PDB file of N, CA and C in Angstrom:
ATOM      1  N   UNK A   1      80.156  80.315 -12.964  1.00  0.00           N
ATOM      2  CA  UNK A   1      80.929  79.286 -12.297  1.00  0.00           C
ATOM      3  C   UNK A   1      80.991  79.611 -10.810  1.00  0.00           C
ATOM      4  N   UNK A   2      80.563  78.724  -9.950  1.00  0.00           N
ATOM      5  CA  UNK A   2      80.581  79.006  -8.511  1.00  0.00           C
ATOM      6  C   UNK A   2      82.009  78.943  -7.952  1.00  0.00           C
ATOM      7  N   UNK A   3      82.230  79.719  -6.905  1.00  0.00           N
ATOM      8  CA  UNK A   3      83.530  79.714  -6.241  1.00  0.00           C
ATOM      9  C   UNK A   3      83.636  78.509  -5.320  1.00  0.00           C
ATOM     10  N   UNK A   4      84.818  77.932  -5.298  1.00  0.00           N
ATOM     11  CA  UNK A   4      85.055  76.764  -4.449  1.00  0.00           C
ATOM     12  C   UNK A   4      86.178  77.083  -3.473  1.00  0.00           C
ATOM     13  N   UNK A   5      86.043  76.547  -2.277  1.00  0.00           N
ATOM     14  CA  UNK A   5      87.081  76.729  -1.258  1.00  0.00           C
ATOM     15  C   UNK A   5      88.054  75.575  -1.374  1.00  0.00           C
ATOM     16  N   UNK A   6      89.309  75.906  -1.530  1.00  0.00           N
ATOM     17  CA  UNK A   6      90.343  74.883  -1.668  1.00  0.00           C
ATOM     18  C   UNK A   6      91.074  74.758  -0.338  1.00  0.00           C
ATOM     19  N   UNK A   7      91.067  73.594   0.226  1.00  0.00           N
ATOM     20  CA  UNK A   7      91.753  73.345   1.497  1.00  0.00           C
ATOM     21  C   UNK A   7      93.256  73.251   1.274  1.00  0.00           C
ATOM     22  N   UNK A   8      94.015  73.878   2.149  1.00  0.00           N
ATOM     23  CA  UNK A   8      95.474  73.816   2.072  1.00  0.00           C
ATOM     24  C   UNK A   8      95.966  72.630   2.896  1.00  0.00           C
ATOM     25  N   UNK A   9      97.072  72.074   2.440  1.00  0.00           N
ATOM     26  CA  UNK A   9      97.638  70.917   3.128  1.00  0.00           C
ATOM     27  C   UNK A   9      98.585  71.310   4.257  1.00  0.00           C
ATOM     28  N   UNK A  10      98.947  72.569   4.336  1.00  0.00           N
ATOM     29  CA  UNK A  10      99.879  73.022   5.370  1.00  0.00           C
ATOM     30  C   UNK A  10      99.272  74.181   6.142  1.00  0.00           C
ATOM     31  N   UNK A  11      99.827  74.424   7.306  1.00  0.00           N
ATOM     32  CA  UNK A  11      99.374  75.548   8.117  1.00  0.00           C
ATOM     33  C   UNK A  11      99.899  76.850   7.517  1.00  0.00           C
ATOM     34  N   UNK A  12      99.245  77.945   7.824  1.00  0.00           N
ATOM     35  CA  UNK A  12      99.692  79.247   7.341  1.00  0.00           C
ATOM     36  C   UNK A  12     101.050  79.609   7.901  1.00  0.00           C
ATOM     37  N   UNK A  13     101.834  80.292   7.117  1.00  0.00           N
ATOM     38  CA  UNK A  13     103.172  80.697   7.528  1.00  0.00           C
ATOM     39  C   UNK A  13     103.242  82.215   7.476  1.00  0.00           C
ATOM     40  N   UNK A  14     103.744  82.818   8.556  1.00  0.00           N
ATOM     41  CA  UNK A  14     103.932  84.262   8.595  1.00  0.00           C
ATOM     42  C   UNK A  14     105.421  84.525   8.523  1.00  0.00           C
ATOM     43  N   UNK A  15     105.844  85.242   7.504  1.00  0.00           N
ATOM     44  CA  UNK A  15     107.240  85.620   7.378  1.00  0.00           C
ATOM     45  C   UNK A  15     107.456  86.866   8.229  1.00  0.00           C
ATOM     46  N   UNK A  16     108.299  86.806   9.263  1.00  0.00           N
ATOM     47  CA  UNK A  16     108.445  87.939  10.175  1.00  0.00           C
ATOM     48  C   UNK A  16     108.910  89.226   9.495  1.00  0.00           C
ATOM     49  N   UNK A  17     109.648  89.114   8.399  1.00  0.00           N
ATOM     50  CA  UNK A  17     110.140  90.323   7.746  1.00  0.00           C
ATOM     51  C   UNK A  17     108.995  91.120   7.130  1.00  0.00           C
ATOM     52  N   UNK A  18     107.911  90.478   6.771  1.00  0.00           N
ATOM     53  CA  UNK A  18     106.789  91.180   6.152  1.00  0.00           C
ATOM     54  C   UNK A  18     105.945  91.949   7.165  1.00  0.00           C
ATOM     55  N   UNK A  19     106.095  91.650   8.445  1.00  0.00           N
ATOM     56  CA  UNK A  19     105.332  92.379   9.461  1.00  0.00           C
ATOM     57  C   UNK A  19     106.239  93.252  10.333  1.00  0.00           C
ATOM     58  N   UNK A  20     107.491  93.394   9.944  1.00  0.00           N
ATOM     59  CA  UNK A  20     108.462  94.177  10.713  1.00  0.00           C
ATOM     60  C   UNK A  20     108.347  95.648  10.328  1.00  0.00           C
ATOM     61  N   UNK A  21     107.808  96.464  11.227  1.00  0.00           N
ATOM     62  CA  UNK A  21     107.637  97.882  10.934  1.00  0.00           C
ATOM     63  C   UNK A  21     108.966  98.623  10.777  1.00  0.00           C
ATOM     64  N   UNK A  22     109.992  98.350  11.598  1.00  0.00           N
ATOM     65  CA  UNK A  22     111.277  99.016  11.362  1.00  0.00           C
ATOM     66  C   UNK A  22     111.867  98.691   9.985  1.00  0.00           C
ATOM     67  N   UNK A  23     111.634  97.484   9.491  1.00  0.00           N
ATOM     68  CA  UNK A  23     112.117  97.125   8.158  1.00  0.00           C
ATOM     69  C   UNK A  23     111.440  97.992   7.102  1.00  0.00           C
ATOM     70  N   UNK A  24     110.148  98.207   7.232  1.00  0.00           N
ATOM     71  CA  UNK A  24     109.423  99.062   6.290  1.00  0.00           C
ATOM     72  C   UNK A  24     109.912 100.499   6.340  1.00  0.00           C
ATOM     73  N   UNK A  25     110.210 100.983   7.538  1.00  0.00           N
ATOM     74  CA  UNK A  25     110.722 102.352   7.678  1.00  0.00           C
ATOM     75  C   UNK A  25     112.116 102.479   7.067  1.00  0.00           C
ATOM     76  N   UNK A  26     112.939 101.446   7.237  1.00  0.00           N
ATOM     77  CA  UNK A  26     114.265 101.471   6.629  1.00  0.00           C
ATOM     78  C   UNK A  26     114.154 101.431   5.105  1.00  0.00           C
ATOM     79  N   UNK A  27     113.218 100.667   4.603  1.00  0.00           N
ATOM     80  CA  UNK A  27     112.998 100.589   3.157  1.00  0.00           C
ATOM     81  C   UNK A  27     112.563 101.944   2.609  1.00  0.00           C
ATOM     82  N   UNK A  28     111.712 102.632   3.347  1.00  0.00           N
ATOM     83  CA  UNK A  28     111.270 103.960   2.914  1.00  0.00           C
ATOM     84  C   UNK A  28     112.424 104.956   2.945  1.00  0.00           C
ATOM     85  N   UNK A  29     113.320 104.835   3.914  1.00  0.00           N
ATOM     86  CA  UNK A  29     114.410 105.805   4.044  1.00  0.00           C
ATOM     87  C   UNK A  29     115.436 105.686   2.932  1.00  0.00           C
ATOM     88  N   UNK A  30     115.594 104.503   2.345  1.00  0.00           N
ATOM     89  CA  UNK A  30     116.604 104.374   1.283  1.00  0.00           C
ATOM     90  C   UNK A  30     116.143 105.031  -0.009  1.00  0.00           C
ATOM     91  N   UNK A  31     114.875 105.404  -0.099  1.00  0.00           N
ATOM     92  CA  UNK A  31     114.380 106.063  -1.301  1.00  0.00           C
ATOM     93  C   UNK A  31     114.412 107.575  -1.228  1.00  0.00           C
ATOM     94  N   UNK A  32     114.910 108.147  -0.156  1.00  0.00           N
ATOM     95  CA  UNK A  32     114.945 109.596   0.018  1.00  0.00           C
ATOM     96  C   UNK A  32     116.360 110.102  -0.278  1.00  0.00           C
ATOM     97  N   UNK A  33     116.451 111.140  -1.094  1.00  0.00           N
ATOM     98  CA  UNK A  33     117.753 111.700  -1.464  1.00  0.00           C
ATOM     99  C   UNK A  33     118.428 112.340  -0.243  1.00  0.00           C
ATOM    100  N   UNK A  34     119.727 112.130  -0.128  1.00  0.00           N
ATOM    101  CA  UNK A  34     120.540 112.675   0.981  1.00  0.00           C
ATOM    102  C   UNK A  34     119.993 112.272   2.343  1.00  0.00           C
ATOM    103  N   UNK A  35     119.603 111.014   2.462  1.00  0.00           N
ATOM    104  CA  UNK A  35     119.003 110.508   3.704  1.00  0.00           C
ATOM    105  C   UNK A  35     119.723 109.238   4.139  1.00  0.00           C
ATOM    106  N   UNK A  36     120.062 109.177   5.405  1.00  0.00           N
ATOM    107  CA  UNK A  36     120.554 107.943   6.023  1.00  0.00           C
ATOM    108  C   UNK A  36     119.777 107.780   7.316  1.00  0.00           C
ATOM    109  N   UNK A  37     119.053 106.690   7.432  1.00  0.00           N
ATOM    110  CA  UNK A  37     118.270 106.430   8.628  1.00  0.00           C
ATOM    111  C   UNK A  37     119.111 105.866   9.751  1.00  0.00           C
ATOM    112  N   UNK A  38     118.716 106.196  10.970  1.00  0.00           N
ATOM    113  CA  UNK A  38     119.345 105.616  12.156  1.00  0.00           C
ATOM    114  C   UNK A  38     118.329 104.708  12.817  1.00  0.00           C
ATOM    115  N   UNK A  39     118.696 103.443  12.931  1.00  0.00           N
ATOM    116  CA  UNK A  39     117.833 102.471  13.588  1.00  0.00           C
ATOM    117  C   UNK A  39     118.177 102.486  15.066  1.00  0.00           C
ATOM    118  N   UNK A  40     117.220 102.921  15.881  1.00  0.00           N
ATOM    119  CA  UNK A  40     117.451 102.998  17.328  1.00  0.00           C
ATOM    120  C   UNK A  40     117.043 101.666  17.933  1.00  0.00           C
ATOM    121  N   UNK A  41     118.032 100.819  18.089  1.00  0.00           N
ATOM    122  CA  UNK A  41     117.800  99.481  18.611  1.00  0.00           C
ATOM    123  C   UNK A  41     119.082  98.682  18.533  1.00  0.00           C
ATOM    124  N   UNK A  42     118.950  97.383  18.590  1.00  0.00           N
ATOM    125  CA  UNK A  42     120.106  96.505  18.538  1.00  0.00           C
ATOM    126  C   UNK A  42     120.765  96.498  17.174  1.00  0.00           C
ATOM    127  N   UNK A  43     122.025  96.120  17.146  1.00  0.00           N
ATOM    128  CA  UNK A  43     122.790  96.079  15.898  1.00  0.00           C
ATOM    129  C   UNK A  43     122.185  95.087  14.915  1.00  0.00           C
ATOM    130  N   UNK A  44     121.609  94.010  15.399  1.00  0.00           N
ATOM    131  CA  UNK A  44     121.027  93.002  14.525  1.00  0.00           C
ATOM    132  C   UNK A  44     119.831  93.505  13.736  1.00  0.00           C
ATOM    133  N   UNK A  45     119.101  94.452  14.299  1.00  0.00           N
ATOM    134  CA  UNK A  45     117.929  94.988  13.610  1.00  0.00           C
ATOM    135  C   UNK A  45     118.303  95.687  12.312  1.00  0.00           C
ATOM    136  N   UNK A  46     119.444  96.340  12.289  1.00  0.00           N
ATOM    137  CA  UNK A  46     119.869  97.027  11.069  1.00  0.00           C
ATOM    138  C   UNK A  46     120.679  96.097  10.165  1.00  0.00           C
ATOM    139  N   UNK A  47     121.467  95.216  10.728  1.00  0.00           N
ATOM    140  CA  UNK A  47     122.309  94.348   9.906  1.00  0.00           C
ATOM    141  C   UNK A  47     121.485  93.363   9.097  1.00  0.00           C
ATOM    142  N   UNK A  48     120.457  92.793   9.694  1.00  0.00           N
ATOM    143  CA  UNK A  48     119.619  91.839   8.978  1.00  0.00           C
ATOM    144  C   UNK A  48     118.922  92.507   7.804  1.00  0.00           C
ATOM    145  N   UNK A  49     118.356  93.689   8.043  1.00  0.00           N
ATOM    146  CA  UNK A  49     117.632  94.392   6.985  1.00  0.00           C
ATOM    147  C   UNK A  49     118.598  94.872   5.908  1.00  0.00           C
ATOM    148  N   UNK A  50     119.763  95.349   6.303  1.00  0.00           N
ATOM    149  CA  UNK A  50     120.768  95.775   5.311  1.00  0.00           C
ATOM    150  C   UNK A  50     121.180  94.607   4.429  1.00  0.00           C
ATOM    151  N   UNK A  51     121.383  93.440   5.019  1.00  0.00           N
ATOM    152  CA  UNK A  51     121.727  92.244   4.254  1.00  0.00           C
ATOM    153  C   UNK A  51     120.592  91.858   3.313  1.00  0.00           C
ATOM    154  N   UNK A  52     119.377  91.903   3.803  1.00  0.00           N
ATOM    155  CA  UNK A  52     118.213  91.564   2.988  1.00  0.00           C
ATOM    156  C   UNK A  52     118.097  92.498   1.780  1.00  0.00           C
ATOM    157  N   UNK A  53     118.225  93.806   2.007  1.00  0.00           N
ATOM    158  CA  UNK A  53     118.140  94.772   0.903  1.00  0.00           C
ATOM    159  C   UNK A  53     119.294  94.595  -0.083  1.00  0.00           C
ATOM    160  N   UNK A  54     120.495  94.380   0.434  1.00  0.00           N
ATOM    161  CA  UNK A  54     121.656  94.227  -0.437  1.00  0.00           C
ATOM    162  C   UNK A  54     121.528  92.996  -1.322  1.00  0.00           C
ATOM    163  N   UNK A  55     121.022  91.912  -0.775  1.00  0.00           N
ATOM    164  CA  UNK A  55     120.841  90.705  -1.579  1.00  0.00           C
ATOM    165  C   UNK A  55     119.735  90.896  -2.611  1.00  0.00           C
ATOM    166  N   UNK A  56     118.681  91.584  -2.239  1.00  0.00           N
ATOM    167  CA  UNK A  56     117.556  91.760  -3.150  1.00  0.00           C
ATOM    168  C   UNK A  56     117.873  92.746  -4.272  1.00  0.00           C
ATOM    169  N   UNK A  57     118.426  93.916  -3.923  1.00  0.00           N
ATOM    170  CA  UNK A  57     118.665  94.962  -4.904  1.00  0.00           C
ATOM    171  C   UNK A  57     120.043  94.878  -5.560  1.00  0.00           C
ATOM    172  N   UNK A  58     120.908  93.985  -5.061  1.00  0.00           N
ATOM    173  CA  UNK A  58     122.268  93.805  -5.594  1.00  0.00           C
ATOM    174  C   UNK A  58     123.110  95.075  -5.511  1.00  0.00           C
ATOM    175  N   UNK A  59     122.911  95.865  -4.485  1.00  0.00           N
ATOM    176  CA  UNK A  59     123.750  97.022  -4.198  1.00  0.00           C
ATOM    177  C   UNK A  59     123.700  97.295  -2.701  1.00  0.00           C
ATOM    178  N   UNK A  60     124.661  98.058  -2.206  1.00  0.00           N
ATOM    179  CA  UNK A  60     124.707  98.318  -0.766  1.00  0.00           C
ATOM    180  C   UNK A  60     123.945  99.592  -0.420  1.00  0.00           C
ATOM    181  N   UNK A  61     123.514  99.682   0.821  1.00  0.00           N
ATOM    182  CA  UNK A  61     122.770 100.830   1.310  1.00  0.00           C
ATOM    183  C   UNK A  61     123.358 101.284   2.629  1.00  0.00           C
ATOM    184  N   UNK A  62     123.315 102.580   2.848  1.00  0.00           N
ATOM    185  CA  UNK A  62     123.797 103.143   4.097  1.00  0.00           C
ATOM    186  C   UNK A  62     122.652 103.187   5.103  1.00  0.00           C
ATOM    187  N   UNK A  63     122.799 102.482   6.184  1.00  0.00           N
ATOM    188  CA  UNK A  63     121.882 102.532   7.312  1.00  0.00           C
ATOM    189  C   UNK A  63     122.742 102.541   8.570  1.00  0.00           C
ATOM    190  N   UNK A  64     122.389 103.364   9.518  1.00  0.00           N
ATOM    191  CA  UNK A  64     123.155 103.462  10.762  1.00  0.00           C
ATOM    192  C   UNK A  64     122.366 102.848  11.909  1.00  0.00           C
ATOM    193  N   UNK A  65     123.043 102.583  12.993  1.00  0.00           N
ATOM    194  CA  UNK A  65     122.401 102.004  14.170  1.00  0.00           C
ATOM    195  C   UNK A  65     122.893 102.708  15.425  1.00  0.00           C
ATOM    196  N   UNK A  66     122.000 102.852  16.382  1.00  0.00           N
ATOM    197  CA  UNK A  66     122.417 103.394  17.676  1.00  0.00           C
ATOM    198  C   UNK A  66     123.042 102.302  18.532  1.00  0.00           C
ATOM    199  N   UNK A  67     122.936 101.065  18.098  1.00  0.00           N
ATOM    200  CA  UNK A  67     123.597  99.920  18.726  1.00  0.00           C
ATOM    201  C   UNK A  67     123.324  99.835  20.228  1.00  0.00           C
ATOM    202  N   UNK A  68     122.066  99.648  20.568  1.00  0.00           N
ATOM    203  CA  UNK A  68     121.659  99.529  21.965  1.00  0.00           C
ATOM    204  C   UNK A  68     122.143  98.190  22.527  1.00  0.00           C
ATOM    205  N   UNK A  69     122.794  98.235  23.673  1.00  0.00           N
ATOM    206  CA  UNK A  69     123.285  97.029  24.332  1.00  0.00           C
ATOM    207  C   UNK A  69     122.386  96.697  25.525  1.00  0.00           C
ATOM    208  N   UNK A  70     122.793  95.702  26.304  1.00  0.00           N
ATOM    209  CA  UNK A  70     121.972  95.240  27.421  1.00  0.00           C
ATOM    210  C   UNK A  70     121.698  96.346  28.430  1.00  0.00           C
ATOM    211  N   UNK A  71     122.710  97.136  28.749  1.00  0.00           N
ATOM    212  CA  UNK A  71     122.498  98.193  29.739  1.00  0.00           C
ATOM    213  C   UNK A  71     121.509  99.233  29.227  1.00  0.00           C
ATOM    214  N   UNK A  72     121.545  99.532  27.943  1.00  0.00           N
ATOM    215  CA  UNK A  72     120.596 100.479  27.361  1.00  0.00           C
ATOM    216  C   UNK A  72     119.179  99.936  27.347  1.00  0.00           C
ATOM    217  N   UNK A  73     119.055  98.621  27.167  1.00  0.00           N
ATOM    218  CA  UNK A  73     117.730  98.009  27.176  1.00  0.00           C
ATOM    219  C   UNK A  73     117.101  98.051  28.564  1.00  0.00           C
ATOM    220  N   UNK A  74     117.929  98.102  29.603  1.00  0.00           N
ATOM    221  CA  UNK A  74     117.414  98.144  30.967  1.00  0.00           C
ATOM    222  C   UNK A  74     117.214  99.582  31.447  1.00  0.00           C
ATOM    223  N   UNK A  75     118.208 100.420  31.242  1.00  0.00           N
ATOM    224  CA  UNK A  75     118.189 101.769  31.804  1.00  0.00           C
ATOM    225  C   UNK A  75     117.776 102.868  30.829  1.00  0.00           C
ATOM    226  N   UNK A  76     117.540 102.516  29.583  1.00  0.00           N
ATOM    227  CA  UNK A  76     117.206 103.510  28.567  1.00  0.00           C
ATOM    228  C   UNK A  76     118.429 103.846  27.742  1.00  0.00           C
ATOM    229  N   UNK A  77     118.203 104.198  26.475  1.00  0.00           N
ATOM    230  CA  UNK A  77     119.337 104.400  25.575  1.00  0.00           C
ATOM    231  C   UNK A  77     119.215 105.662  24.746  1.00  0.00           C
ATOM    232  N   UNK A  78     118.577 106.673  25.282  1.00  0.00           N
ATOM    233  CA  UNK A  78     118.414 107.905  24.533  1.00  0.00           C
ATOM    234  C   UNK A  78     119.767 108.541  24.223  1.00  0.00           C
ATOM    235  N   UNK A  79     120.720 108.410  25.110  1.00  0.00           N
ATOM    236  CA  UNK A  79     122.055 108.966  24.852  1.00  0.00           C
ATOM    237  C   UNK A  79     122.721 108.301  23.653  1.00  0.00           C
ATOM    238  N   UNK A  80     122.401 107.023  23.400  1.00  0.00           N
ATOM    239  CA  UNK A  80     122.977 106.305  22.258  1.00  0.00           C
ATOM    240  C   UNK A  80     122.484 106.892  20.936  1.00  0.00           C
ATOM    241  N   UNK A  81     121.210 107.246  20.858  1.00  0.00           N
ATOM    242  CA  UNK A  81     120.677 107.784  19.603  1.00  0.00           C
ATOM    243  C   UNK A  81     121.211 109.197  19.370  1.00  0.00           C
ATOM    244  N   UNK A  82     121.381 109.967  20.432  1.00  0.00           N
ATOM    245  CA  UNK A  82     121.960 111.305  20.281  1.00  0.00           C
ATOM    246  C   UNK A  82     123.405 111.218  19.783  1.00  0.00           C
ATOM    247  N   UNK A  83     124.163 110.289  20.328  1.00  0.00           N
ATOM    248  CA  UNK A  83     125.537 110.079  19.886  1.00  0.00           C
ATOM    249  C   UNK A  83     125.569 109.576  18.445  1.00  0.00           C
ATOM    250  N   UNK A  84     124.631 108.715  18.071  1.00  0.00           N
ATOM    251  CA  UNK A  84     124.570 108.188  16.703  1.00  0.00           C
ATOM    252  C   UNK A  84     124.316 109.294  15.685  1.00  0.00           C
ATOM    253  N   UNK A  85     123.451 110.238  16.022  1.00  0.00           N
ATOM    254  CA  UNK A  85     123.182 111.367  15.119  1.00  0.00           C
ATOM    255  C   UNK A  85     124.443 112.209  14.946  1.00  0.00           C
ATOM    256  N   UNK A  86     125.138 112.496  16.039  1.00  0.00           N
ATOM    257  CA  UNK A  86     126.372 113.287  15.965  1.00  0.00           C
ATOM    258  C   UNK A  86     127.428 112.610  15.093  1.00  0.00           C
ATOM    259  N   UNK A  87     127.620 111.312  15.295  1.00  0.00           N
ATOM    260  CA  UNK A  87     128.626 110.568  14.527  1.00  0.00           C
ATOM    261  C   UNK A  87     128.225 110.503  13.054  1.00  0.00           C
ATOM    262  N   UNK A  88     126.958 110.264  12.779  1.00  0.00           N
ATOM    263  CA  UNK A  88     126.486 110.172  11.395  1.00  0.00           C
ATOM    264  C   UNK A  88     126.711 111.482  10.652  1.00  0.00           C
ATOM    265  N   UNK A  89     126.354 112.599  11.277  1.00  0.00           N
ATOM    266  CA  UNK A  89     126.520 113.898  10.617  1.00  0.00           C
ATOM    267  C   UNK A  89     127.991 114.294  10.483  1.00  0.00           C
ATOM    268  N   UNK A  90     128.832 113.788  11.381  1.00  0.00           N
ATOM    269  CA  UNK A  90     130.255 114.052  11.269  1.00  0.00           C
ATOM    270  C   UNK A  90     130.857 113.266  10.097  1.00  0.00           C
ATOM    271  N   UNK A  91     130.446 112.011   9.931  1.00  0.00           N
ATOM    272  CA  UNK A  91     130.995 111.172   8.868  1.00  0.00           C
ATOM    273  C   UNK A  91     130.396 111.475   7.496  1.00  0.00           C
ATOM    274  N   UNK A  92     129.142 111.869   7.455  1.00  0.00           N
ATOM    275  CA  UNK A  92     128.448 112.152   6.199  1.00  0.00           C
ATOM    276  C   UNK A  92     127.888 113.572   6.239  1.00  0.00           C
ATOM    277  N   UNK A  93     128.708 114.573   5.957  1.00  0.00           N
ATOM    278  CA  UNK A  93     128.243 115.963   6.088  1.00  0.00           C
ATOM    279  C   UNK A  93     127.182 116.374   5.076  1.00  0.00           C
ATOM    280  N   UNK A  94     127.008 115.624   3.980  1.00  0.00           N
ATOM    281  CA  UNK A  94     126.013 115.986   2.964  1.00  0.00           C
ATOM    282  C   UNK A  94     124.617 115.456   3.276  1.00  0.00           C
ATOM    283  N   UNK A  95     124.474 114.717   4.348  1.00  0.00           N
ATOM    284  CA  UNK A  95     123.168 114.173   4.721  1.00  0.00           C
ATOM    285  C   UNK A  95     122.252 115.311   5.171  1.00  0.00           C
ATOM    286  N   UNK A  96     121.045 115.350   4.618  1.00  0.00           N
ATOM    287  CA  UNK A  96     120.068 116.393   4.949  1.00  0.00           C
ATOM    288  C   UNK A  96     118.903 115.859   5.790  1.00  0.00           C
ATOM    289  N   UNK A  97     118.622 114.548   5.667  1.00  0.00           N
ATOM    290  CA  UNK A  97     117.489 113.938   6.362  1.00  0.00           C
ATOM    291  C   UNK A  97     118.004 112.759   7.181  1.00  0.00           C
ATOM    292  N   UNK A  98     117.677 112.746   8.480  1.00  0.00           N
ATOM    293  CA  UNK A  98     118.087 111.658   9.370  1.00  0.00           C
ATOM    294  C   UNK A  98     116.859 111.166  10.131  1.00  0.00           C
ATOM    295  N   UNK A  99     116.142 110.190   9.573  1.00  0.00           N
ATOM    296  CA  UNK A  99     115.004 109.649  10.320  1.00  0.00           C
ATOM    297  C   UNK A  99     115.489 108.742  11.452  1.00  0.00           C
ATOM    298  N   UNK A 100     114.839 108.825  12.583  1.00  0.00           N
ATOM    299  CA  UNK A 100     115.127 107.935  13.709  1.00  0.00           C
ATOM    300  C   UNK A 100     114.071 106.837  13.685  1.00  0.00           C
ATOM    301  N   UNK A 101     114.512 105.627  13.437  1.00  0.00           N
ATOM    302  CA  UNK A 101     113.614 104.480  13.305  1.00  0.00           C
ATOM    303  C   UNK A 101     113.699 103.665  14.583  1.00  0.00           C
ATOM    304  N   UNK A 102     112.623 103.641  15.344  1.00  0.00           N
ATOM    305  CA  UNK A 102     112.642 102.883  16.596  1.00  0.00           C
ATOM    306  C   UNK A 102     112.327 101.418  16.316  1.00  0.00           C
ATOM    307  N   UNK A 103     112.869 100.555  17.144  1.00  0.00           N
ATOM    308  CA  UNK A 103     112.637  99.117  17.003  1.00  0.00           C
ATOM    309  C   UNK A 103     111.792  98.629  18.173  1.00  0.00           C
ATOM    310  N   UNK A 104     111.487  97.367  18.141  1.00  0.00           N
ATOM    311  CA  UNK A 104     110.650  96.779  19.193  1.00  0.00           C
ATOM    312  C   UNK A 104     111.281  96.959  20.572  1.00  0.00           C
ATOM    313  N   UNK A 105     112.592  96.780  20.652  1.00  0.00           N
ATOM    314  CA  UNK A 105     113.303  96.890  21.931  1.00  0.00           C
ATOM    315  C   UNK A 105     113.151  98.275  22.534  1.00  0.00           C
ATOM    316  N   UNK A 106     113.401  99.314  21.759  1.00  0.00           N
ATOM    317  CA  UNK A 106     113.342 100.668  22.305  1.00  0.00           C
ATOM    318  C   UNK A 106     111.913 101.118  22.569  1.00  0.00           C
ATOM    319  N   UNK A 107     110.951 100.549  21.857  1.00  0.00           N
ATOM    320  CA  UNK A 107     109.558 100.888  22.127  1.00  0.00           C
ATOM    321  C   UNK A 107     109.087 100.239  23.419  1.00  0.00           C
ATOM    322  N   UNK A 108     109.563  99.032  23.691  1.00  0.00           N
ATOM    323  CA  UNK A 108     109.168  98.341  24.920  1.00  0.00           C
ATOM    324  C   UNK A 108     109.754  99.041  26.146  1.00  0.00           C
ATOM    325  N   UNK A 109     111.015  99.513  26.056  1.00  0.00           N
ATOM    326  CA  UNK A 109     111.614 100.172  27.216  1.00  0.00           C
ATOM    327  C   UNK A 109     111.135 101.603  27.356  1.00  0.00           C
ATOM    328  N   UNK A 110     110.492 102.143  26.310  1.00  0.00           N
ATOM    329  CA  UNK A 110     109.869 103.459  26.420  1.00  0.00           C
ATOM    330  C   UNK A 110     110.791 104.636  26.205  1.00  0.00           C
ATOM    331  N   UNK A 111     111.815 104.485  25.373  1.00  0.00           N
ATOM    332  CA  UNK A 111     112.665 105.637  25.058  1.00  0.00           C
ATOM    333  C   UNK A 111     111.839 106.707  24.366  1.00  0.00           C
ATOM    334  N   UNK A 112     111.935 107.928  24.849  1.00  0.00           N
ATOM    335  CA  UNK A 112     111.200 109.054  24.270  1.00  0.00           C
ATOM    336  C   UNK A 112     112.127 109.745  23.276  1.00  0.00           C
ATOM    337  N   UNK A 113     111.841 109.603  21.995  1.00  0.00           N
ATOM    338  CA  UNK A 113     112.743 110.092  20.953  1.00  0.00           C
ATOM    339  C   UNK A 113     112.247 111.365  20.302  1.00  0.00           C
ATOM    340  N   UNK A 114     111.365 112.088  20.952  1.00  0.00           N
ATOM    341  CA  UNK A 114     110.871 113.337  20.364  1.00  0.00           C
ATOM    342  C   UNK A 114     112.004 114.346  20.252  1.00  0.00           C
ATOM    343  N   UNK A 115     111.872 115.210  19.279  1.00  0.00           N
ATOM    344  CA  UNK A 115     112.909 116.221  19.027  1.00  0.00           C
ATOM    345  C   UNK A 115     113.059 117.148  20.235  1.00  0.00           C
ATOM    346  N   UNK A 116     114.291 117.490  20.545  1.00  0.00           N
ATOM    347  CA  UNK A 116     114.580 118.408  21.629  1.00  0.00           C
ATOM    348  C   UNK A 116     114.958 119.767  21.051  1.00  0.00           C
ATOM    349  N   UNK A 117     114.727 120.786  21.789  1.00  0.00           N
ATOM    350  CA  UNK A 117     115.092 122.127  21.321  1.00  0.00           C
ATOM    351  C   UNK A 117     116.490 122.477  21.761  1.00  0.00           C
TER     352      UNK A 117
END
């Protein structure tokens, strides 16, 4: 039987959540024991994904945010992620793994999130 090409009646649709790399990193972090990821970016980047996961899996997940604001987007927000790590470890002392998940905003402004000694 020969293959036939079927024409679609509508244009292709790209769902932005399927191409969101921070969303994939957050999804990976919820599967690690004693892990809470910190999303280094705007509050909306973590809230949307948390809502999406909670609706899909019917349970809540712990995800933190460095909550970058307008001034951080202009001048850099590395101090926000350092403060977020301190607060997270203070509130959740049993956490062993803290991945820093960068978002589009922090990648565009060029925050250098490499580990410091």
